[in-house]
Amino acid sequence: MDMCKEIRVYGMINDTYCKSEGYRKVPYHYYEAGSRDECAEYLLHESAPYGGHRFITEKAVFAKWAKTHPIKFFSPEWQLL
């Protein structure tokens, strides 16, 4: 963030996407059709007692940073509150 005038992030859903009505279910890995969808995987990791990747928490941190730093989100565009 110190080296760039603006950071552009593409293809990252926001931290509330999985709770939104009518969200689009896509496989977590495109090559594993029939496995857990992206949101199910995120929720599984978020509630894991240890290890895992806190995807939803990470997205919330990015949203917080975007309020004070020049970070823009595209595809999908984020509505920062």
Protein backbone atom coordinates (compact mmCIF):
# COMPACT_ATOMS: atom_id res chain seq x y z
CA MET A 1 0.00 0.00 0.00
CA ASP A 2 2.96 2.31 0.54
CA MET A 3 4.28 1.91 -3.00
CA CYS A 4 1.12 2.25 -5.11
CA LYS A 5 -1.17 5.23 -5.68
CA GLU A 6 -4.11 2.85 -6.01
CA ILE A 7 -4.65 -0.89 -5.60
CA ARG A 8 -7.18 -2.61 -7.85
CA VAL A 9 -8.53 -6.00 -6.78
CA TYR A 10 -10.40 -8.18 -9.29
CA GLY A 11 -12.52 -11.26 -8.65
CA MET A 12 -12.74 -11.11 -4.85
CA ILE A 13 -16.20 -11.28 -3.30
CA ASN A 14 -16.87 -9.19 -0.20
CA ASP A 15 -17.37 -10.46 3.33
CA THR A 16 -21.20 -10.36 3.14
CA TYR A 17 -21.60 -12.01 -0.28
CA CYS A 18 -22.30 -15.49 1.11
CA LYS A 19 -25.11 -14.11 3.28
CA SER A 20 -26.76 -12.22 0.42
CA GLU A 21 -29.96 -13.55 -1.08
CA GLY A 22 -29.52 -15.24 -4.44
CA TYR A 23 -25.73 -15.40 -4.39
CA ARG A 24 -24.25 -17.39 -7.24
CA LYS A 25 -22.99 -20.82 -6.16
CA VAL A 26 -19.72 -21.75 -7.82
CA PRO A 27 -17.31 -24.59 -7.02
CA TYR A 28 -14.51 -23.67 -4.64
CA HIS A 29 -12.07 -25.09 -7.20
CA TYR A 30 -13.25 -24.91 -10.80
CA TYR A 31 -11.72 -28.34 -11.47
CA GLU A 32 -13.68 -30.06 -8.66
CA ALA A 33 -17.23 -30.00 -9.99
CA GLY A 34 -19.66 -31.50 -7.49
CA SER A 35 -17.59 -30.53 -4.44
CA ARG A 36 -18.45 -27.82 -1.88
CA ASP A 37 -19.29 -24.44 -3.30
CA GLU A 38 -17.14 -21.40 -2.59
CA CYS A 39 -19.29 -20.05 0.25
CA ALA A 40 -19.60 -23.45 1.97
CA GLU A 41 -15.81 -23.74 1.90
CA TYR A 42 -15.38 -20.22 3.30
CA LEU A 43 -17.81 -20.91 6.14
CA LEU A 44 -16.13 -24.24 6.92
CA HIS A 45 -12.71 -22.56 7.20
CA GLU A 46 -14.08 -19.61 9.16
CA SER A 47 -15.41 -21.87 11.90
CA ALA A 48 -12.50 -24.34 11.98
CA PRO A 49 -11.08 -24.69 15.52
CA TYR A 50 -7.51 -24.45 14.21
CA GLY A 51 -5.70 -24.07 10.91
CA GLY A 52 -7.67 -23.15 7.85
CA HIS A 53 -7.85 -19.85 6.07
CA ARG A 54 -10.18 -17.23 7.51
CA PHE A 55 -11.48 -16.06 4.13
CA ILE A 56 -14.44 -14.05 5.42
CA THR A 57 -12.36 -12.34 8.12
CA GLU A 58 -9.73 -11.55 5.49
CA LYS A 59 -12.35 -9.91 3.26
CA ALA A 60 -13.59 -7.82 6.21
CA VAL A 61 -10.02 -6.62 6.81
CA PHE A 62 -9.67 -5.64 3.13
CA ALA A 63 -12.96 -3.69 3.38
CA LYS A 64 -11.69 -1.89 6.48
CA TRP A 65 -8.41 -0.99 4.75
CA ALA A 66 -10.32 0.28 1.69
CA LYS A 67 -11.99 2.92 3.85
CA THR A 68 -8.63 4.56 4.60
CA HIS A 69 -6.47 3.50 1.62
CA PRO A 70 -6.96 3.78 -2.15
CA ILE A 71 -8.16 0.20 -2.72
CA LYS A 72 -10.82 -0.45 -5.38
CA PHE A 73 -12.68 -3.73 -5.98
CA PHE A 74 -13.94 -4.93 -9.38
CA SER A 75 -15.81 -7.99 -10.69
CA PRO A 76 -17.71 -7.80 -8.42
CA GLU A 77 -17.61 -4.17 -7.35
CA TRP A 78 -17.81 -3.71 -3.57
CA GLN A 79 -20.18 -1.31 -1.85
CA LEU A 80 -18.22 -0.10 1.16
CA LEU A 81 -20.36 1.10 4.05
